[in-house]
Amino acid sequence: MKTEILYGVHPVLEAIRCGRRTVIEVYAANEKRSRRLETIENLALSANVPVKRKPLSWIQATVKTVSHQGICAKTGPYPSVGLAEMLTKTDDRDPFLMLLDNIEDPHNLGALIRTAFCVGADGVVIPKDRSAPPTPAVSKSSAGALEHVLLARVTNMTASIKTLKQQGMWVVGLDKYSEVNIYQSDLTGPMALVVGGEEHGIRPLVRKQCDGLISIPQSPDVDSLNASVAGAVAMYEAFRQRHGY
């Protein structure tokens, strides 16, 4: 089985708690002790996952980042799902999906996944190419939310949008040049929100498949919002509308 090393308090904790991927071993730094680390160790032991003490230098060398917080874990690969499987698991009458097109920065991907989880999105779809994959760095940036979210990696985003539309979903793309803004738009009902990449936004062929394009009002003195911030603003407007706030 292919394995990877998750690192950081939230990714390791949520991987054990969620139980979607296999957690093989947990490694805790000898030099660090805290209530949060003890919580992880106790949860791991209750799930029959071995906990091993390692020098801080060993953890540092293993994860190759200073963001480990004194904890890491050997796990199985991230359990992506297919688009068809995602749709069968979406039992809400009005599903809400996030389509992240061309998000290549793992920190932006993690931040978007974290917000998608917070607003209760039913799933996240990313392309297999021209996108950051669901790595441990993404799990860390998502504060462990990646471990809970249904994520599909698709070969063709355009074909996937066509499939969603055939299932009765309204597909809306975030585009800073649209004259229709998020506050003028109906973001309720079965829908998918498309957020484009950091440099060029949504790719032209993907944009063409959208049922509509919406923008975020902003001061004319700035160029544009960061992809993860723009996605968060739009997601929370959809959340507000869908829950009647």
C-alpha atoms as a PDB file:
ATOM      1  CA  MET A   1       0.000   0.000   0.000  1.00  0.00           C
ATOM      2  CA  LYS A   2       1.238   3.465  -0.880  1.00  0.00           C
ATOM      3  CA  THR A   3       1.787   5.587   2.214  1.00  0.00           C
ATOM      4  CA  GLU A   4       2.343   9.237   3.064  1.00  0.00           C
ATOM      5  CA  ILE A   5       3.201  11.265   6.131  1.00  0.00           C
ATOM      6  CA  LEU A   6       0.556  13.593   7.511  1.00  0.00           C
ATOM      7  CA  TYR A   7       1.845  16.275   9.855  1.00  0.00           C
ATOM      8  CA  GLY A   8       0.394  18.838  12.216  1.00  0.00           C
ATOM      9  CA  VAL A   9      -2.091  18.598  15.060  1.00  0.00           C
ATOM     10  CA  HIS A  10      -5.321  19.038  13.095  1.00  0.00           C
ATOM     11  CA  PRO A  11      -4.549  16.794  10.094  1.00  0.00           C
ATOM     12  CA  VAL A  12      -3.414  13.891  12.289  1.00  0.00           C
ATOM     13  CA  LEU A  13      -6.280  14.343  14.753  1.00  0.00           C
ATOM     14  CA  GLU A  14      -8.946  14.561  12.030  1.00  0.00           C
ATOM     15  CA  ALA A  15      -7.524  11.622  10.081  1.00  0.00           C
ATOM     16  CA  ILE A  16      -7.878   9.417  13.156  1.00  0.00           C
ATOM     17  CA  ARG A  17     -11.225  10.870  14.149  1.00  0.00           C
ATOM     18  CA  CYS A  18     -12.746  10.693  10.676  1.00  0.00           C
ATOM     19  CA  GLY A  19     -11.511   7.190   9.872  1.00  0.00           C
ATOM     20  CA  ARG A  20     -11.689   7.593   6.097  1.00  0.00           C
ATOM     21  CA  ARG A  21      -8.049   6.701   5.523  1.00  0.00           C
ATOM     22  CA  THR A  22      -5.843   4.085   7.175  1.00  0.00           C
ATOM     23  CA  VAL A  23      -3.633   5.487   9.936  1.00  0.00           C
ATOM     24  CA  ILE A  24      -0.708   3.097  10.390  1.00  0.00           C
ATOM     25  CA  GLU A  25       1.441   4.769  13.064  1.00  0.00           C
ATOM     26  CA  VAL A  26       1.602   8.057  14.923  1.00  0.00           C
ATOM     27  CA  TYR A  27       4.925   9.675  15.790  1.00  0.00           C
ATOM     28  CA  ALA A  28       5.116  12.156  18.671  1.00  0.00           C
ATOM     29  CA  ALA A  29       8.158  14.276  19.507  1.00  0.00           C
ATOM     30  CA  ASN A  30       9.925  13.453  22.764  1.00  0.00           C
ATOM     31  CA  GLU A  31      10.626  17.115  23.412  1.00  0.00           C
ATOM     32  CA  LYS A  32       7.029  18.329  23.054  1.00  0.00           C
ATOM     33  CA  ARG A  33       4.171  17.706  25.469  1.00  0.00           C
ATOM     34  CA  SER A  34       0.776  19.373  25.390  1.00  0.00           C
ATOM     35  CA  ARG A  35      -2.866  18.583  25.989  1.00  0.00           C
ATOM     36  CA  ARG A  36      -3.536  18.513  22.249  1.00  0.00           C
ATOM     37  CA  LEU A  37      -0.780  15.984  21.637  1.00  0.00           C
ATOM     38  CA  GLU A  38      -2.032  13.853  24.513  1.00  0.00           C
ATOM     39  CA  THR A  39      -5.520  13.944  22.986  1.00  0.00           C
ATOM     40  CA  ILE A  40      -4.131  12.643  19.687  1.00  0.00           C
ATOM     41  CA  GLU A  41      -2.119   9.916  21.396  1.00  0.00           C
ATOM     42  CA  ASN A  42      -5.110   8.736  23.440  1.00  0.00           C
ATOM     43  CA  LEU A  43      -7.384   8.765  20.392  1.00  0.00           C
ATOM     44  CA  ALA A  44      -4.811   6.806  18.390  1.00  0.00           C
ATOM     45  CA  LEU A  45      -4.379   4.190  21.091  1.00  0.00           C
ATOM     46  CA  SER A  46      -8.149   3.793  21.447  1.00  0.00           C
ATOM     47  CA  ALA A  47      -8.257   3.141  17.683  1.00  0.00           C
ATOM     48  CA  ASN A  48      -5.456   0.556  18.007  1.00  0.00           C
ATOM     49  CA  VAL A  49      -2.980   2.801  16.195  1.00  0.00           C
ATOM     50  CA  PRO A  50       0.580   2.505  17.602  1.00  0.00           C
ATOM     51  CA  VAL A  51       2.156   5.690  18.960  1.00  0.00           C
ATOM     52  CA  LYS A  52       5.941   5.955  18.821  1.00  0.00           C
ATOM     53  CA  ARG A  53       8.171   8.546  20.469  1.00  0.00           C
ATOM     54  CA  LYS A  54      10.749  10.133  18.181  1.00  0.00           C
ATOM     55  CA  PRO A  55      13.303  12.941  18.539  1.00  0.00           C
ATOM     56  CA  LEU A  56      12.101  16.287  17.240  1.00  0.00           C
ATOM     57  CA  SER A  57      14.945  16.197  14.723  1.00  0.00           C
ATOM     58  CA  TRP A  58      13.608  12.897  13.315  1.00  0.00           C
ATOM     59  CA  ILE A  59      10.136  14.377  12.787  1.00  0.00           C
ATOM     60  CA  GLN A  60      11.650  17.470  11.207  1.00  0.00           C
ATOM     61  CA  ALA A  61      13.724  15.368   8.796  1.00  0.00           C
ATOM     62  CA  THR A  62      10.763  13.105   7.994  1.00  0.00           C
ATOM     63  CA  VAL A  63       8.199  15.786   7.107  1.00  0.00           C
ATOM     64  CA  LYS A  64      10.733  18.314   5.749  1.00  0.00           C
ATOM     65  CA  THR A  65       8.868  21.322   7.147  1.00  0.00           C
ATOM     66  CA  VAL A  66       8.800  23.251  10.416  1.00  0.00           C
ATOM     67  CA  SER A  67       4.982  23.139  10.479  1.00  0.00           C
ATOM     68  CA  HIS A  68       4.722  19.708  12.093  1.00  0.00           C
ATOM     69  CA  GLN A  69       3.831  20.903  15.643  1.00  0.00           C
ATOM     70  CA  GLY A  70       5.640  17.884  17.075  1.00  0.00           C
ATOM     71  CA  ILE A  71       3.328  15.256  15.565  1.00  0.00           C
ATOM     72  CA  CYS A  72       3.055  13.258  12.350  1.00  0.00           C
ATOM     73  CA  ALA A  73       1.545  10.009  11.179  1.00  0.00           C
ATOM     74  CA  LYS A  74       2.143   7.379   8.533  1.00  0.00           C
ATOM     75  CA  THR A  75      -1.128   6.875   6.666  1.00  0.00           C
ATOM     76  CA  GLY A  76      -2.601   5.353   3.589  1.00  0.00           C
ATOM     77  CA  PRO A  77      -3.292   7.607   0.587  1.00  0.00           C
ATOM     78  CA  TYR A  78      -6.027  10.220   0.640  1.00  0.00           C
ATOM     79  CA  PRO A  79      -9.366   8.532  -0.269  1.00  0.00           C
ATOM     80  CA  SER A  80     -10.564  10.508  -3.291  1.00  0.00           C
ATOM     81  CA  VAL A  81     -13.955   9.576  -4.724  1.00  0.00           C
ATOM     82  CA  GLY A  82     -15.287   9.533  -8.264  1.00  0.00           C
ATOM     83  CA  LEU A  83     -17.804  12.121  -9.404  1.00  0.00           C
ATOM     84  CA  ALA A  84     -20.519   9.478  -9.751  1.00  0.00           C
ATOM     85  CA  GLU A  85     -19.857   8.250  -6.210  1.00  0.00           C
ATOM     86  CA  MET A  86     -19.957  11.817  -4.909  1.00  0.00           C
ATOM     87  CA  LEU A  87     -23.358  12.361  -6.493  1.00  0.00           C
ATOM     88  CA  THR A  88     -24.756   9.151  -4.981  1.00  0.00           C
ATOM     89  CA  LYS A  89     -23.599  10.275  -1.538  1.00  0.00           C
ATOM     90  CA  THR A  90     -25.220  13.673  -1.954  1.00  0.00           C
ATOM     91  CA  ASP A  91     -28.621  12.989  -0.445  1.00  0.00           C
ATOM     92  CA  ASP A  92     -29.539  16.667  -0.042  1.00  0.00           C
ATOM     93  CA  ARG A  93     -32.343  17.829  -2.341  1.00  0.00           C
ATOM     94  CA  ASP A  94     -30.312  20.947  -3.087  1.00  0.00           C
ATOM     95  CA  PRO A  95     -26.676  19.819  -3.245  1.00  0.00           C
ATOM     96  CA  PHE A  96     -23.902  22.402  -3.225  1.00  0.00           C
ATOM     97  CA  LEU A  97     -20.585  21.500  -4.843  1.00  0.00           C
ATOM     98  CA  MET A  98     -17.333  23.406  -5.225  1.00  0.00           C
ATOM     99  CA  LEU A  99     -15.452  23.079  -8.521  1.00  0.00           C
ATOM    100  CA  LEU A 100     -11.881  24.345  -8.181  1.00  0.00           C
ATOM    101  CA  ASP A 101     -10.384  24.891 -11.621  1.00  0.00           C
ATOM    102  CA  ASN A 102      -6.641  25.379 -11.954  1.00  0.00           C
ATOM    103  CA  ILE A 103      -5.862  25.975  -8.256  1.00  0.00           C
ATOM    104  CA  GLU A 104      -2.153  25.106  -8.243  1.00  0.00           C
ATOM    105  CA  ASP A 105      -1.096  26.572  -4.900  1.00  0.00           C
ATOM    106  CA  PRO A 106      -1.563  23.948  -2.127  1.00  0.00           C
ATOM    107  CA  HIS A 107      -2.194  26.646   0.476  1.00  0.00           C
ATOM    108  CA  ASN A 108      -5.014  28.152  -1.574  1.00  0.00           C
ATOM    109  CA  LEU A 109      -6.461  24.694  -2.213  1.00  0.00           C
ATOM    110  CA  GLY A 110      -6.322  23.880   1.489  1.00  0.00           C
ATOM    111  CA  ALA A 111      -7.949  27.180   2.433  1.00  0.00           C
ATOM    112  CA  LEU A 112     -10.748  26.677  -0.098  1.00  0.00           C
ATOM    113  CA  ILE A 113     -11.371  23.127   1.134  1.00  0.00           C
ATOM    114  CA  ARG A 114     -11.490  24.387   4.721  1.00  0.00           C
ATOM    115  CA  THR A 115     -14.138  26.967   3.808  1.00  0.00           C
ATOM    116  CA  ALA A 116     -16.083  24.408   1.762  1.00  0.00           C
ATOM    117  CA  PHE A 117     -16.203  22.179   4.826  1.00  0.00           C
ATOM    118  CA  CYS A 118     -17.287  25.081   7.055  1.00  0.00           C
ATOM    119  CA  VAL A 119     -20.218  25.998   4.800  1.00  0.00           C
ATOM    120  CA  GLY A 120     -21.305  22.370   4.512  1.00  0.00           C
ATOM    121  CA  ALA A 121     -20.503  21.866   0.818  1.00  0.00           C
ATOM    122  CA  ASP A 122     -21.419  18.374  -0.327  1.00  0.00           C
ATOM    123  CA  GLY A 123     -18.182  17.868  -2.225  1.00  0.00           C
ATOM    124  CA  VAL A 124     -15.186  19.433  -3.955  1.00  0.00           C
ATOM    125  CA  VAL A 125     -14.111  18.671  -7.516  1.00  0.00           C
ATOM    126  CA  ILE A 126     -10.623  19.372  -8.886  1.00  0.00           C
ATOM    127  CA  PRO A 127      -8.913  18.393 -12.158  1.00  0.00           C
ATOM    128  CA  LYS A 128      -6.180  15.759 -12.108  1.00  0.00           C
ATOM    129  CA  ASP A 129      -3.938  18.050 -14.153  1.00  0.00           C
ATOM    130  CA  ARG A 130      -3.200  21.735 -13.547  1.00  0.00           C
ATOM    131  CA  SER A 131      -4.183  21.462  -9.901  1.00  0.00           C
ATOM    132  CA  ALA A 132      -2.464  20.886  -6.606  1.00  0.00           C
ATOM    133  CA  PRO A 133      -3.181  17.284  -5.507  1.00  0.00           C
ATOM    134  CA  PRO A 134      -4.595  16.454  -2.041  1.00  0.00           C
ATOM    135  CA  THR A 135      -1.201  16.199  -0.326  1.00  0.00           C
ATOM    136  CA  PRO A 136      -0.327  16.394   3.395  1.00  0.00           C
ATOM    137  CA  ALA A 137       0.526  20.077   2.795  1.00  0.00           C
ATOM    138  CA  VAL A 138      -3.050  20.656   1.620  1.00  0.00           C
ATOM    139  CA  SER A 139      -4.424  18.820   4.651  1.00  0.00           C
ATOM    140  CA  LYS A 140      -2.296  21.048   6.886  1.00  0.00           C
ATOM    141  CA  SER A 141      -3.474  24.207   5.110  1.00  0.00           C
ATOM    142  CA  SER A 142      -7.075  23.044   5.472  1.00  0.00           C
ATOM    143  CA  ALA A 143      -6.591  22.523   9.248  1.00  0.00           C
ATOM    144  CA  GLY A 144      -7.590  18.884   8.766  1.00  0.00           C
ATOM    145  CA  ALA A 145     -10.827  19.664   6.873  1.00  0.00           C
ATOM    146  CA  LEU A 146      -9.505  17.704   3.877  1.00  0.00           C
ATOM    147  CA  GLU A 147      -9.894  14.522   5.941  1.00  0.00           C
ATOM    148  CA  HIS A 148     -13.681  15.045   6.080  1.00  0.00           C
ATOM    149  CA  VAL A 149     -14.467  16.460   2.631  1.00  0.00           C
ATOM    150  CA  LEU A 150     -15.552  14.331  -0.318  1.00  0.00           C
ATOM    151  CA  LEU A 151     -13.080  15.242  -3.052  1.00  0.00           C
ATOM    152  CA  ALA A 152     -13.182  14.044  -6.648  1.00  0.00           C
ATOM    153  CA  ARG A 153     -10.241  14.366  -9.036  1.00  0.00           C
ATOM    154  CA  VAL A 154     -11.578  14.387 -12.595  1.00  0.00           C
ATOM    155  CA  THR A 155      -9.808  14.006 -15.932  1.00  0.00           C
ATOM    156  CA  ASN A 156     -11.980  16.539 -17.724  1.00  0.00           C
ATOM    157  CA  MET A 157     -13.606  19.419 -15.830  1.00  0.00           C
ATOM    158  CA  THR A 158     -15.700  20.434 -18.854  1.00  0.00           C
ATOM    159  CA  ALA A 159     -17.178  16.944 -19.189  1.00  0.00           C
ATOM    160  CA  SER A 160     -17.805  16.856 -15.434  1.00  0.00           C
ATOM    161  CA  ILE A 161     -19.760  20.111 -15.615  1.00  0.00           C
ATOM    162  CA  LYS A 162     -21.885  18.643 -18.416  1.00  0.00           C
ATOM    163  CA  THR A 163     -22.597  15.638 -16.181  1.00  0.00           C
ATOM    164  CA  LEU A 164     -23.639  17.881 -13.301  1.00  0.00           C
ATOM    165  CA  LYS A 165     -25.939  19.876 -15.574  1.00  0.00           C
ATOM    166  CA  GLN A 166     -27.543  16.651 -16.772  1.00  0.00           C
ATOM    167  CA  GLN A 167     -28.237  15.901 -13.101  1.00  0.00           C
ATOM    168  CA  GLY A 168     -30.155  19.184 -12.844  1.00  0.00           C
ATOM    169  CA  MET A 169     -27.449  21.292 -11.219  1.00  0.00           C
ATOM    170  CA  TRP A 170     -26.971  24.989 -11.997  1.00  0.00           C
ATOM    171  CA  VAL A 171     -23.271  25.762 -12.565  1.00  0.00           C
ATOM    172  CA  VAL A 172     -22.061  29.273 -11.748  1.00  0.00           C
ATOM    173  CA  GLY A 173     -18.521  30.572 -12.291  1.00  0.00           C
ATOM    174  CA  LEU A 174     -16.758  33.276 -10.316  1.00  0.00           C
ATOM    175  CA  ASP A 175     -15.466  35.900 -12.761  1.00  0.00           C
ATOM    176  CA  LYS A 176     -14.304  39.371 -11.698  1.00  0.00           C
ATOM    177  CA  TYR A 177     -15.450  40.880 -15.022  1.00  0.00           C
ATOM    178  CA  SER A 178     -19.079  39.774 -14.722  1.00  0.00           C
ATOM    179  CA  GLU A 179     -21.592  42.616 -14.431  1.00  0.00           C
ATOM    180  CA  VAL A 180     -23.753  40.431 -12.188  1.00  0.00           C
ATOM    181  CA  ASN A 181     -22.448  40.242  -8.631  1.00  0.00           C
ATOM    182  CA  ILE A 182     -22.938  37.583  -5.973  1.00  0.00           C
ATOM    183  CA  TYR A 183     -25.463  39.715  -4.076  1.00  0.00           C
ATOM    184  CA  GLN A 184     -27.688  39.994  -7.160  1.00  0.00           C
ATOM    185  CA  SER A 185     -27.589  36.247  -7.803  1.00  0.00           C
ATOM    186  CA  ASP A 186     -29.745  33.403  -6.608  1.00  0.00           C
ATOM    187  CA  LEU A 187     -27.306  30.897  -5.113  1.00  0.00           C
ATOM    188  CA  THR A 188     -29.927  28.523  -3.752  1.00  0.00           C
ATOM    189  CA  GLY A 189     -31.065  25.224  -5.229  1.00  0.00           C
ATOM    190  CA  PRO A 190     -28.892  22.447  -6.662  1.00  0.00           C
ATOM    191  CA  MET A 191     -25.733  24.209  -7.773  1.00  0.00           C
ATOM    192  CA  ALA A 192     -22.001  24.065  -8.294  1.00  0.00           C
ATOM    193  CA  LEU A 193     -19.763  27.093  -7.803  1.00  0.00           C
ATOM    194  CA  VAL A 194     -16.636  27.257  -9.970  1.00  0.00           C
ATOM    195  CA  VAL A 195     -13.578  29.105  -8.648  1.00  0.00           C
ATOM    196  CA  GLY A 196     -10.623  29.652 -10.985  1.00  0.00           C
ATOM    197  CA  GLY A 197      -6.890  29.686 -10.449  1.00  0.00           C
ATOM    198  CA  GLU A 198      -4.610  32.333  -9.017  1.00  0.00           C
ATOM    199  CA  GLU A 199      -3.274  33.768 -12.274  1.00  0.00           C
ATOM    200  CA  HIS A 200      -5.875  33.374 -15.011  1.00  0.00           C
ATOM    201  CA  GLY A 201      -9.130  32.455 -13.289  1.00  0.00           C
ATOM    202  CA  ILE A 202     -11.454  29.906 -14.851  1.00  0.00           C
ATOM    203  CA  ARG A 203     -10.177  28.379 -18.076  1.00  0.00           C
ATOM    204  CA  PRO A 204     -12.093  29.476 -21.226  1.00  0.00           C
ATOM    205  CA  LEU A 205     -13.580  26.053 -22.040  1.00  0.00           C
ATOM    206  CA  VAL A 206     -14.756  25.662 -18.435  1.00  0.00           C
ATOM    207  CA  ARG A 207     -16.150  29.207 -18.387  1.00  0.00           C
ATOM    208  CA  LYS A 208     -18.096  28.465 -21.580  1.00  0.00           C
ATOM    209  CA  GLN A 209     -19.891  25.565 -19.874  1.00  0.00           C
ATOM    210  CA  CYS A 210     -21.066  27.677 -16.917  1.00  0.00           C
ATOM    211  CA  ASP A 211     -24.754  28.595 -16.821  1.00  0.00           C
ATOM    212  CA  GLY A 212     -23.800  32.015 -15.472  1.00  0.00           C
ATOM    213  CA  LEU A 213     -20.887  34.127 -14.264  1.00  0.00           C
ATOM    214  CA  ILE A 214     -20.864  36.232 -11.109  1.00  0.00           C
ATOM    215  CA  SER A 215     -18.429  38.697  -9.574  1.00  0.00           C
ATOM    216  CA  ILE A 216     -17.544  40.098  -6.161  1.00  0.00           C
ATOM    217  CA  PRO A 217     -17.900  43.880  -5.787  1.00  0.00           C
ATOM    218  CA  GLN A 218     -14.666  45.529  -4.764  1.00  0.00           C
ATOM    219  CA  SER A 219     -12.802  48.816  -4.742  1.00  0.00           C
ATOM    220  CA  PRO A 220     -11.520  49.894  -8.176  1.00  0.00           C
ATOM    221  CA  ASP A 221      -8.132  50.653  -6.627  1.00  0.00           C
ATOM    222  CA  VAL A 222      -7.159  46.955  -6.332  1.00  0.00           C
ATOM    223  CA  ASP A 223      -6.667  44.313  -8.993  1.00  0.00           C
ATOM    224  CA  SER A 224      -8.410  41.261  -7.589  1.00  0.00           C
ATOM    225  CA  LEU A 225      -8.902  39.096  -4.533  1.00  0.00           C
ATOM    226  CA  ASN A 226      -6.764  36.070  -3.797  1.00  0.00           C
ATOM    227  CA  ALA A 227      -8.447  32.904  -5.137  1.00  0.00           C
ATOM    228  CA  SER A 228      -9.056  31.427  -1.682  1.00  0.00           C
ATOM    229  CA  VAL A 229     -10.464  34.704  -0.330  1.00  0.00           C
ATOM    230  CA  ALA A 230     -12.733  35.208  -3.347  1.00  0.00           C
ATOM    231  CA  GLY A 231     -13.964  31.639  -3.066  1.00  0.00           C
ATOM    232  CA  ALA A 232     -14.643  32.096   0.641  1.00  0.00           C
ATOM    233  CA  VAL A 233     -16.654  35.295   0.079  1.00  0.00           C
ATOM    234  CA  ALA A 234     -18.781  33.606  -2.589  1.00  0.00           C
ATOM    235  CA  MET A 235     -19.248  30.426  -0.560  1.00  0.00           C
ATOM    236  CA  TYR A 236     -20.467  32.343   2.455  1.00  0.00           C
ATOM    237  CA  GLU A 237     -22.915  34.374   0.385  1.00  0.00           C
ATOM    238  CA  ALA A 238     -24.274  31.071  -0.925  1.00  0.00           C
ATOM    239  CA  PHE A 239     -24.372  29.767   2.661  1.00  0.00           C
ATOM    240  CA  ARG A 240     -26.265  32.877   3.806  1.00  0.00           C
ATOM    241  CA  GLN A 241     -28.852  32.543   1.062  1.00  0.00           C
ATOM    242  CA  ARG A 242     -29.264  28.788   1.396  1.00  0.00           C
ATOM    243  CA  HIS A 243     -29.827  28.969   5.155  1.00  0.00           C
ATOM    244  CA  GLY A 244     -31.974  32.099   5.204  1.00  0.00           C
ATOM    245  CA  TYR A 245     -29.634  34.381   7.160  1.00  0.00           C
END
